[in-house]
Amino acid sequence: MTALERQGANARKAAMVLMTADTAAKNRALSEIAGAITARIDEVLAANKADTDTAAENGMSKALLDRLTLTKERIEGIVDGVRQIIGLPDPVGEVLERTVRPNGMEIERRSVPLGVIGIIYEARPNVTVDAAVLCLKAGNAVILRGGKEAFNSNRAFVNIMRDALEATGLPRDCVALVEDTSRQSATELMQLSEYLDVLIPRGGAGLIKSVVENSKVPVIETGVGVCHVYVDSDADLEKAADIIFNAKCSRPSVCNAAETLLVADSVAKQFLPMAKAKLDTKNVEIRGCERTREILGDSVVPASEQDYRTEFGDYILAVKVISGVDEAIDFVNKYGTGHSEAIVTENKAAAERFLDGVDAAAVYANVSTRFTDGGEFGLGAEIGISTQKLHARGPMGLKQLTSCKYVIRGNGQIR
């Protein structure tokens, strides 16, 4: 048995204990985790500094380095997220529906944990805690396989959480970290169908594509965000400029950041200089269509077809001038990844046409795409943004980490 198979077997045993743990027991464990992270914050910061120093030496981009970096304030935010989850309703055991058949047989559909969840993710140490505590509250054991860039940070967080679980009487193996960060361990995790019930990838397009194509374990596809903001002919242009600046620049490395700006031709000449003035404050590189370059000049890089399909994760924005809302819908459905899409308009009919016609997990009218987030949606921390349609779609909170089973009661009925 390999080391990963042993982790899988141990996680399966832990999951059998956790699936019957009551809400109070799970909340005690989460409370202990929150307190332990706070008490051992210096340990986490030291581990994270080792990661960020190495990443900087290896030339990691500023946007990705920002994702990797933990500060005292960010760790406090992670702890706040844990405490928010404590306050959320426990989804396990909820009776989803109940019927009584003509023969007197009572059929109840009840929510239950998924079991053992595997998560493969990149240089996002906050995911280590967010994912683990969500899985725990929903009654699932979890095996975490983070990127090598965040290994020290991830190990510090996992050690703290395992100690906290043991201190409250739950198995340490409810949370486990794959310490081998080679490609081989990721491949082996994808084959661990004997022990894993579901595998969730969080990261860039390459990681997600690899997991979807190679996993023998059922996959919930998450994350790739080629997100658009469309500025309509009836938009409030000041509002639109604020929204695209926020959607692109507040955190360009995250999956709900805007990658493409679409502008109705009738307002392009007025709006694009307004938008560029704001974007220039963050030195955003604009890659635009011919019409965009006519308006803004040679500082705009000519956009290629591939630019409109790319999740830049950086201070780069593709721009295209289009005819109106119907072309916007067609463009988004062709080039988007089903994540988050926004229209800015004061025309209610145009807004509703966009909201109805765009095929994505989250669609917005006059709101930044940056709100696609479990916390912002009131779900607490999230395990990812599902861009598929089976089982779960959009921010995956507690309810999305459960399945169901049928419980049937009778009095001797036979068929």
Protein backbone atom coordinates (compact mmCIF):
# COMPACT_ATOMS: atom_id res chain seq x y z
CA MET A 1 0.00 0.00 0.00
CA THR A 2 1.39 3.41 -0.99
CA ALA A 3 1.54 6.36 1.38
CA LEU A 4 -1.37 7.98 -0.44
CA GLU A 5 -3.44 4.79 -0.27
CA ARG A 6 -2.82 4.70 3.49
CA GLN A 7 -4.01 8.29 3.72
CA GLY A 8 -7.10 7.32 1.72
CA ALA A 9 -7.85 4.34 3.96
CA ASN A 10 -7.39 6.44 7.10
CA ALA A 11 -9.60 9.18 5.68
CA ARG A 12 -12.31 6.63 4.89
CA LYS A 13 -12.27 5.44 8.52
CA ALA A 14 -12.37 9.02 9.77
CA ALA A 15 -15.28 9.83 7.45
CA MET A 16 -17.33 7.01 8.96
CA VAL A 17 -16.91 8.63 12.38
CA LEU A 18 -17.52 12.14 11.12
CA MET A 19 -20.69 11.28 9.20
CA THR A 20 -22.49 10.52 12.46
CA ALA A 21 -20.98 13.37 14.50
CA ASP A 22 -23.61 15.81 15.69
CA THR A 23 -23.56 19.54 15.00
CA ALA A 24 -22.22 20.38 18.46
CA ALA A 25 -19.21 18.09 18.03
CA LYS A 26 -18.36 19.53 14.63
CA ASN A 27 -18.74 23.10 15.86
CA ARG A 28 -16.49 22.39 18.84
CA ALA A 29 -13.82 21.18 16.45
CA LEU A 30 -14.18 24.26 14.26
CA SER A 31 -14.01 26.54 17.28
CA GLU A 32 -10.85 24.77 18.41
CA ILE A 33 -9.37 25.20 14.91
CA ALA A 34 -10.14 28.94 14.93
CA GLY A 35 -8.56 29.38 18.35
CA ALA A 36 -5.52 27.28 17.50
CA ILE A 37 -4.78 29.21 14.29
CA THR A 38 -4.97 32.47 16.24
CA ALA A 39 -2.72 31.11 18.98
CA ARG A 40 -0.17 29.77 16.49
CA ILE A 41 -0.28 32.65 13.99
CA ASP A 42 3.48 33.25 14.24
CA GLU A 43 4.08 29.64 13.19
CA VAL A 44 1.91 30.14 10.09
CA LEU A 45 3.53 33.46 9.18
CA ALA A 46 7.02 31.96 9.46
CA ALA A 47 6.04 29.05 7.24
CA ASN A 48 4.47 31.42 4.72
CA LYS A 49 7.58 33.63 4.65
CA ALA A 50 9.63 30.59 3.68
CA ASP A 51 7.22 29.99 0.79
CA THR A 52 7.08 33.59 -0.42
CA ASP A 53 10.86 34.04 -0.20
CA THR A 54 11.38 31.00 -2.40
CA ALA A 55 8.64 32.06 -4.81
CA ALA A 56 10.13 35.55 -5.18
CA GLU A 57 13.58 34.08 -5.82
CA ASN A 58 12.04 31.88 -8.53
CA GLY A 59 10.48 34.86 -10.29
CA MET A 60 6.81 34.37 -9.42
CA SER A 61 4.64 37.20 -10.79
CA LYS A 62 3.37 39.89 -8.43
CA ALA A 63 -0.24 38.78 -8.92
CA LEU A 64 0.51 35.15 -8.05
CA LEU A 65 2.78 36.19 -5.19
CA ASP A 66 -0.15 38.16 -3.80
CA ARG A 67 -2.25 34.99 -3.85
CA LEU A 68 0.44 33.12 -1.95
CA THR A 69 1.13 35.77 0.68
CA LEU A 70 -0.43 35.58 4.15
CA THR A 71 -0.50 38.54 6.50
CA LYS A 72 -1.81 38.82 10.03
CA GLU A 73 -4.92 40.52 8.63
CA ARG A 74 -5.48 37.80 6.03
CA ILE A 75 -5.10 35.06 8.62
CA GLU A 76 -7.56 36.89 10.86
CA GLY A 77 -9.92 36.90 7.87
CA ILE A 78 -9.47 33.14 7.49
CA VAL A 79 -10.28 32.67 11.19
CA ASP A 80 -13.36 34.88 10.82
CA GLY A 81 -14.44 32.62 7.97
CA VAL A 82 -14.15 29.57 10.24
CA ARG A 83 -16.28 31.27 12.90
CA GLN A 84 -18.89 32.19 10.27
CA ILE A 85 -19.16 28.54 9.29
CA ILE A 86 -19.78 27.61 12.93
CA GLY A 87 -22.82 29.87 12.85
CA LEU A 88 -24.25 28.38 9.65
CA PRO A 89 -26.94 25.69 9.72
CA ASP A 90 -25.67 22.13 9.56
CA PRO A 91 -26.83 20.70 6.21
CA VAL A 92 -26.43 17.08 7.30
CA GLY A 93 -29.62 15.27 8.21
CA GLU A 94 -31.93 17.87 6.68
CA VAL A 95 -35.13 16.25 5.45
CA LEU A 96 -35.42 17.44 1.86
CA GLU A 97 -38.79 15.86 1.20
CA ARG A 98 -41.13 13.25 2.68
CA THR A 99 -43.94 11.32 1.05
CA VAL A 100 -46.27 8.50 2.09
CA ARG A 101 -47.11 5.94 -0.56
CA PRO A 102 -50.63 4.44 -0.91
CA ASN A 103 -49.39 1.24 0.78
CA GLY A 104 -48.42 3.25 3.89
CA MET A 105 -44.69 3.16 3.19
CA GLU A 106 -43.02 6.44 4.26
CA ILE A 107 -40.19 7.68 2.03
CA GLU A 108 -37.86 10.39 3.26
CA ARG A 109 -35.05 12.03 1.27
CA ARG A 110 -32.34 13.22 3.62
CA SER A 111 -29.06 15.10 3.09
CA VAL A 112 -25.88 13.18 3.95
CA PRO A 113 -22.14 13.85 3.60
CA LEU A 114 -20.39 13.04 0.33
CA GLY A 115 -17.78 11.03 2.26
CA VAL A 116 -14.11 11.61 1.42
CA ILE A 117 -13.29 14.63 -0.73
CA GLY A 118 -9.97 15.17 -2.47
CA ILE A 119 -8.92 18.70 -3.38
CA ILE A 120 -6.08 19.57 -5.76
CA TYR A 121 -5.18 23.25 -5.76
CA GLU A 122 -2.37 25.69 -6.44
CA ALA A 123 -0.60 28.42 -4.47
CA ARG A 124 -3.55 29.52 -2.32
CA PRO A 125 -2.88 28.65 1.34
CA ASN A 126 -6.22 30.12 2.44
CA VAL A 127 -7.87 27.28 0.48
CA THR A 128 -6.30 24.82 2.92
CA VAL A 129 -8.39 26.10 5.80
CA ASP A 130 -11.50 27.15 3.85
CA ALA A 131 -11.81 23.76 2.19
CA ALA A 132 -11.06 21.73 5.29
CA VAL A 133 -13.54 23.46 7.59
CA LEU A 134 -16.31 23.41 4.99
CA CYS A 135 -15.77 19.70 4.49
CA LEU A 136 -15.76 19.11 8.24
CA LYS A 137 -18.99 21.03 8.89
CA ALA A 138 -20.67 19.07 6.09
CA GLY A 139 -19.46 15.80 7.64
CA ASN A 140 -16.75 14.98 5.09
CA ALA A 141 -13.14 13.92 5.52
CA VAL A 142 -10.74 15.71 3.17
CA ILE A 143 -7.39 14.99 1.55
CA LEU A 144 -5.65 18.19 0.46
CA ARG A 145 -3.03 18.33 -2.26
CA GLY A 146 -1.73 21.90 -2.59
CA GLY A 147 0.93 23.31 -4.87
CA LYS A 148 4.61 23.08 -3.98
CA GLU A 149 4.84 26.89 -3.77
CA ALA A 150 2.60 26.91 -0.67
CA PHE A 151 3.79 23.68 0.91
CA ASN A 152 5.15 25.10 4.17
CA SER A 153 2.06 27.25 4.72
CA ASN A 154 -0.27 24.34 3.96
CA ARG A 155 1.60 21.98 6.28
CA ALA A 156 1.45 24.51 9.13
CA PHE A 157 -2.30 24.96 8.72
CA VAL A 158 -2.96 21.21 8.47
CA ASN A 159 -0.86 20.38 11.52
CA ILE A 160 -2.81 22.97 13.52
CA MET A 161 -6.17 21.59 12.33
CA ARG A 162 -5.23 17.96 13.00
CA ASP A 163 -4.14 18.84 16.55
CA ALA A 164 -7.41 20.71 17.09
CA LEU A 165 -9.48 17.77 15.85
CA GLU A 166 -7.69 15.39 18.20
CA ALA A 167 -8.18 17.80 21.11
CA THR A 168 -11.95 17.68 20.59
CA GLY A 169 -12.23 13.91 20.16
CA LEU A 170 -12.56 13.67 16.38
CA PRO A 171 -10.06 11.69 14.27
CA ARG A 172 -6.96 13.57 13.11
CA ASP A 173 -7.38 11.96 9.72
CA CYS A 174 -10.54 13.93 9.02
CA VAL A 175 -8.00 16.32 7.46
CA ALA A 176 -4.87 15.15 5.65
CA LEU A 177 -2.23 16.79 3.47
CA VAL A 178 -0.42 15.07 0.60
CA GLU A 179 3.18 15.94 1.37
CA ASP A 180 4.51 14.81 -1.99
CA THR A 181 3.97 17.77 -4.32
CA SER A 182 5.26 16.04 -7.46
CA ARG A 183 3.09 15.41 -10.54
CA GLN A 184 3.08 11.74 -9.59
CA SER A 185 1.13 12.39 -6.37
CA ALA A 186 -1.49 14.40 -8.26
CA THR A 187 -1.86 11.59 -10.79
CA GLU A 188 -2.12 9.01 -8.01
CA LEU A 189 -4.80 11.05 -6.24
CA MET A 190 -6.82 11.11 -9.46
CA GLN A 191 -6.78 7.30 -9.46
CA LEU A 192 -7.79 6.87 -5.80
CA SER A 193 -11.36 5.85 -6.58
CA GLU A 194 -11.36 3.17 -3.86
CA TYR A 195 -11.18 5.84 -1.18
CA LEU A 196 -12.28 9.18 -2.68
CA ASP A 197 -15.92 9.97 -3.39
CA VAL A 198 -15.25 13.18 -5.30
CA LEU A 199 -12.26 15.21 -6.48
CA ILE A 200 -12.35 19.01 -6.73
CA PRO A 201 -9.61 20.89 -8.62
CA ARG A 202 -9.01 24.56 -7.81
CA GLY A 203 -6.58 26.49 -9.95
CA GLY A 204 -5.75 27.46 -13.51
CA ALA A 205 -7.09 26.06 -16.73
CA GLY A 206 -4.21 23.60 -17.13
CA LEU A 207 -4.73 22.00 -13.73
CA ILE A 208 -8.49 21.71 -14.13
CA LYS A 209 -8.21 20.29 -17.65
CA SER A 210 -5.70 17.69 -16.46
CA VAL A 211 -7.92 16.56 -13.57
CA VAL A 212 -11.09 16.42 -15.68
CA GLU A 213 -9.40 14.39 -18.41
CA ASN A 214 -7.40 11.98 -16.23
CA SER A 215 -9.36 11.35 -13.03
CA LYS A 216 -11.05 8.05 -12.30
CA VAL A 217 -12.73 9.77 -9.34
CA PRO A 218 -15.87 11.85 -10.08
CA VAL A 219 -14.84 15.49 -10.55
CA ILE A 220 -16.61 18.76 -9.75
CA GLU A 221 -15.08 21.22 -12.20
CA THR A 222 -14.30 24.62 -10.74
CA GLY A 223 -12.54 27.83 -11.19
CA VAL A 224 -11.51 28.88 -14.70
CA GLY A 225 -12.87 32.38 -15.04
CA VAL A 226 -12.83 34.13 -18.39
CA CYS A 227 -15.31 36.72 -17.08
CA HIS A 228 -16.78 39.65 -19.03
CA VAL A 229 -18.20 43.08 -18.26
CA TYR A 230 -20.45 44.45 -21.01
CA VAL A 231 -21.09 48.21 -21.04
CA ASP A 232 -24.40 48.77 -22.79
CA SER A 233 -25.49 51.77 -24.86
CA ASP A 234 -27.77 52.78 -21.95
CA ALA A 235 -25.13 52.43 -19.24
CA ASP A 236 -24.31 54.99 -16.58
CA LEU A 237 -20.73 55.42 -17.77
CA GLU A 238 -19.29 56.60 -14.43
CA LYS A 239 -20.81 53.54 -12.79
CA ALA A 240 -19.47 51.35 -15.58
CA ALA A 241 -15.93 52.72 -15.19
CA ASP A 242 -15.99 52.00 -11.46
CA ILE A 243 -17.28 48.46 -12.06
CA ILE A 244 -14.68 47.49 -14.67
CA PHE A 245 -11.90 48.96 -12.54
CA ASN A 246 -13.03 46.93 -9.54
CA ALA A 247 -13.67 43.78 -11.55
CA LYS A 248 -10.21 43.90 -13.14
CA CYS A 249 -7.98 45.52 -10.54
CA SER A 250 -9.15 44.70 -7.00
CA ARG A 251 -7.51 41.24 -7.22
CA PRO A 252 -6.61 40.36 -10.81
CA SER A 253 -5.32 36.89 -9.93
CA VAL A 254 -8.65 35.48 -8.73
CA CYS A 255 -11.14 33.58 -10.87
CA ASN A 256 -13.97 36.15 -10.58
CA ALA A 257 -11.82 38.99 -11.93
CA ALA A 258 -12.90 40.38 -15.31
CA GLU A 259 -10.70 39.42 -18.26
CA THR A 260 -12.66 41.01 -21.12
CA LEU A 261 -14.45 44.35 -21.46
CA LEU A 262 -17.20 44.59 -24.09
CA VAL A 263 -18.46 48.04 -25.03
CA ALA A 264 -21.43 49.06 -27.17
CA ASP A 265 -20.18 51.02 -30.18
CA SER A 266 -22.56 53.93 -29.53
CA VAL A 267 -20.80 54.79 -26.23
CA ALA A 268 -17.31 53.46 -26.95
CA LYS A 269 -15.77 56.81 -27.97
CA GLN A 270 -16.94 58.40 -24.71
CA PHE A 271 -16.47 55.44 -22.37
CA LEU A 272 -13.15 53.88 -23.34
CA PRO A 273 -11.02 56.96 -22.43
CA MET A 274 -12.85 57.11 -19.07
CA ALA A 275 -12.13 53.46 -18.39
CA LYS A 276 -8.52 53.70 -19.54
CA ALA A 277 -7.86 56.65 -17.21
CA LYS A 278 -8.83 54.48 -14.24
CA LEU A 279 -7.06 51.36 -15.51
CA ASP A 280 -3.87 53.33 -16.14
CA THR A 281 -3.57 53.94 -12.39
CA LYS A 282 -2.80 50.20 -12.10
CA ASN A 283 -0.80 50.05 -15.35
CA VAL A 284 -3.29 47.65 -16.92
CA GLU A 285 -2.23 46.44 -20.36
CA ILE A 286 -5.13 46.75 -22.80
CA ARG A 287 -5.38 44.33 -25.71
CA GLY A 288 -8.06 45.68 -28.01
CA CYS A 289 -9.86 45.23 -31.28
CA GLU A 290 -9.26 47.59 -34.22
CA ARG A 291 -12.06 49.93 -33.13
CA THR A 292 -10.60 50.10 -29.58
CA ARG A 293 -7.21 51.04 -31.05
CA GLU A 294 -8.83 53.74 -33.22
CA ILE A 295 -10.25 55.35 -30.09
CA LEU A 296 -7.39 54.83 -27.62
CA GLY A 297 -4.38 54.83 -29.92
CA ASP A 298 -1.24 52.76 -30.33
CA SER A 299 -0.78 52.18 -26.60
CA VAL A 300 -3.37 49.43 -27.04
CA VAL A 301 -1.89 46.07 -28.03
CA PRO A 302 -3.75 44.44 -30.94
CA ALA A 303 -5.96 41.68 -29.53
CA SER A 304 -5.70 38.17 -30.91
CA GLU A 305 -8.46 35.58 -30.99
CA GLN A 306 -6.67 33.76 -28.17
CA ASP A 307 -6.72 36.85 -25.94
CA TYR A 308 -10.51 36.62 -25.78
CA ARG A 309 -10.21 33.04 -24.53
CA THR A 310 -7.50 33.67 -21.92
CA GLU A 311 -7.73 33.91 -18.15
CA PHE A 312 -4.83 36.34 -17.68
CA GLY A 313 -4.84 36.43 -13.88
CA ASP A 314 -2.86 39.65 -14.18
CA TYR A 315 -3.18 43.36 -14.99
CA ILE A 316 -4.15 42.61 -18.60
CA LEU A 317 -7.59 43.30 -20.11
CA ALA A 318 -8.96 42.28 -23.50
CA VAL A 319 -11.37 44.84 -25.00
CA LYS A 320 -13.82 44.59 -27.87
CA VAL A 321 -16.31 47.10 -29.25
CA ILE A 322 -19.56 45.43 -30.32
CA SER A 323 -22.95 46.41 -31.67
CA GLY A 324 -25.14 45.83 -28.60
CA VAL A 325 -26.63 43.43 -26.09
CA ASP A 326 -27.43 40.60 -28.49
CA GLU A 327 -23.86 40.48 -29.78
CA ALA A 328 -22.66 40.67 -26.16
CA ILE A 329 -24.71 37.59 -25.26
CA ASP A 330 -23.37 35.67 -28.26
CA PHE A 331 -19.78 36.74 -27.52
CA VAL A 332 -19.96 35.78 -23.83
CA ASN A 333 -21.50 32.41 -24.57
CA LYS A 334 -18.77 31.71 -27.16
CA TYR A 335 -15.72 32.86 -25.21
CA GLY A 336 -16.77 32.66 -21.55
CA THR A 337 -16.14 29.74 -19.21
CA GLY A 338 -19.52 29.75 -17.49
CA HIS A 339 -18.23 31.56 -14.41
CA SER A 340 -19.37 35.19 -13.87
CA GLU A 341 -20.69 37.70 -16.42
CA ALA A 342 -21.94 41.28 -15.99
CA ILE A 343 -23.92 43.89 -17.88
CA VAL A 344 -23.91 47.58 -16.98
CA THR A 345 -27.07 49.31 -18.18
CA GLU A 346 -29.98 51.46 -17.03
CA ASN A 347 -32.22 49.69 -19.57
CA LYS A 348 -34.17 47.06 -17.66
CA ALA A 349 -35.19 45.14 -20.77
CA ALA A 350 -31.57 44.91 -21.95
CA ALA A 351 -30.47 43.78 -18.49
CA GLU A 352 -33.09 41.04 -18.35
CA ARG A 353 -32.22 39.86 -21.88
CA PHE A 354 -28.57 39.55 -20.84
CA LEU A 355 -29.35 37.84 -17.53
CA ASP A 356 -31.65 35.33 -19.25
CA GLY A 357 -29.49 34.74 -22.32
CA VAL A 358 -26.03 34.31 -20.80
CA ASP A 359 -25.15 30.74 -19.78
CA ALA A 360 -23.02 31.14 -16.64
CA ALA A 361 -23.05 30.22 -12.97
CA ALA A 362 -23.47 33.87 -11.92
CA VAL A 363 -24.87 36.73 -14.00
CA TYR A 364 -24.91 40.34 -12.83
CA ALA A 365 -26.65 43.58 -13.73
CA ASN A 366 -24.79 46.70 -12.57
CA VAL A 367 -22.57 44.75 -10.16
CA SER A 368 -18.90 43.76 -10.30
CA THR A 369 -18.12 40.11 -11.08
CA ARG A 370 -15.92 40.11 -7.98
CA PHE A 371 -18.93 39.23 -5.82
CA THR A 372 -19.01 35.59 -6.97
CA ASP A 373 -17.81 34.28 -3.65
CA GLY A 374 -19.26 32.09 -0.93
CA GLY A 375 -18.82 34.73 1.76
CA GLU A 376 -20.38 37.48 -0.36
CA PHE A 377 -23.34 35.20 -1.15
CA GLY A 378 -23.87 34.45 2.54
CA LEU A 379 -22.65 30.86 2.28
CA GLY A 380 -19.60 31.35 4.50
CA ALA A 381 -16.28 30.29 2.99
CA GLU A 382 -16.48 28.36 -0.26
CA ILE A 383 -14.67 25.32 -1.57
CA GLY A 384 -14.67 26.70 -5.10
CA ILE A 385 -16.87 28.08 -7.86
CA SER A 386 -18.40 25.24 -9.84
CA THR A 387 -18.67 26.04 -13.54
CA GLN A 388 -20.41 22.79 -14.43
CA LYS A 389 -24.10 21.96 -14.19
CA LEU A 390 -24.24 18.53 -12.53
CA HIS A 391 -24.58 18.35 -8.74
CA ALA A 392 -23.49 21.93 -8.00
CA ARG A 393 -23.12 25.25 -9.81
CA GLY A 394 -21.64 28.55 -8.61
CA PRO A 395 -20.12 29.08 -5.14
CA MET A 396 -19.94 25.73 -3.36
CA GLY A 397 -20.83 26.12 0.29
CA LEU A 398 -22.02 23.58 2.84
CA LYS A 399 -25.14 22.34 1.08
CA GLN A 400 -23.20 21.67 -2.10
CA LEU A 401 -20.89 19.34 -0.14
CA THR A 402 -23.69 16.94 0.66
CA SER A 403 -25.52 14.26 -1.28
CA CYS A 404 -28.72 12.53 -0.25
CA LYS A 405 -30.09 9.15 0.65
CA TYR A 406 -33.58 7.74 0.88
CA VAL A 407 -34.82 6.49 4.24
CA ILE A 408 -37.87 4.24 4.00
CA ARG A 409 -40.04 3.16 6.93
CA GLY A 410 -42.86 0.70 6.86
CA ASN A 411 -44.81 -1.98 8.67
CA GLY A 412 -44.12 -5.22 6.83
CA GLN A 413 -44.90 -4.09 3.28
CA ILE A 414 -43.75 -6.56 0.60
CA ARG A 415 -43.75 -6.27 -3.19
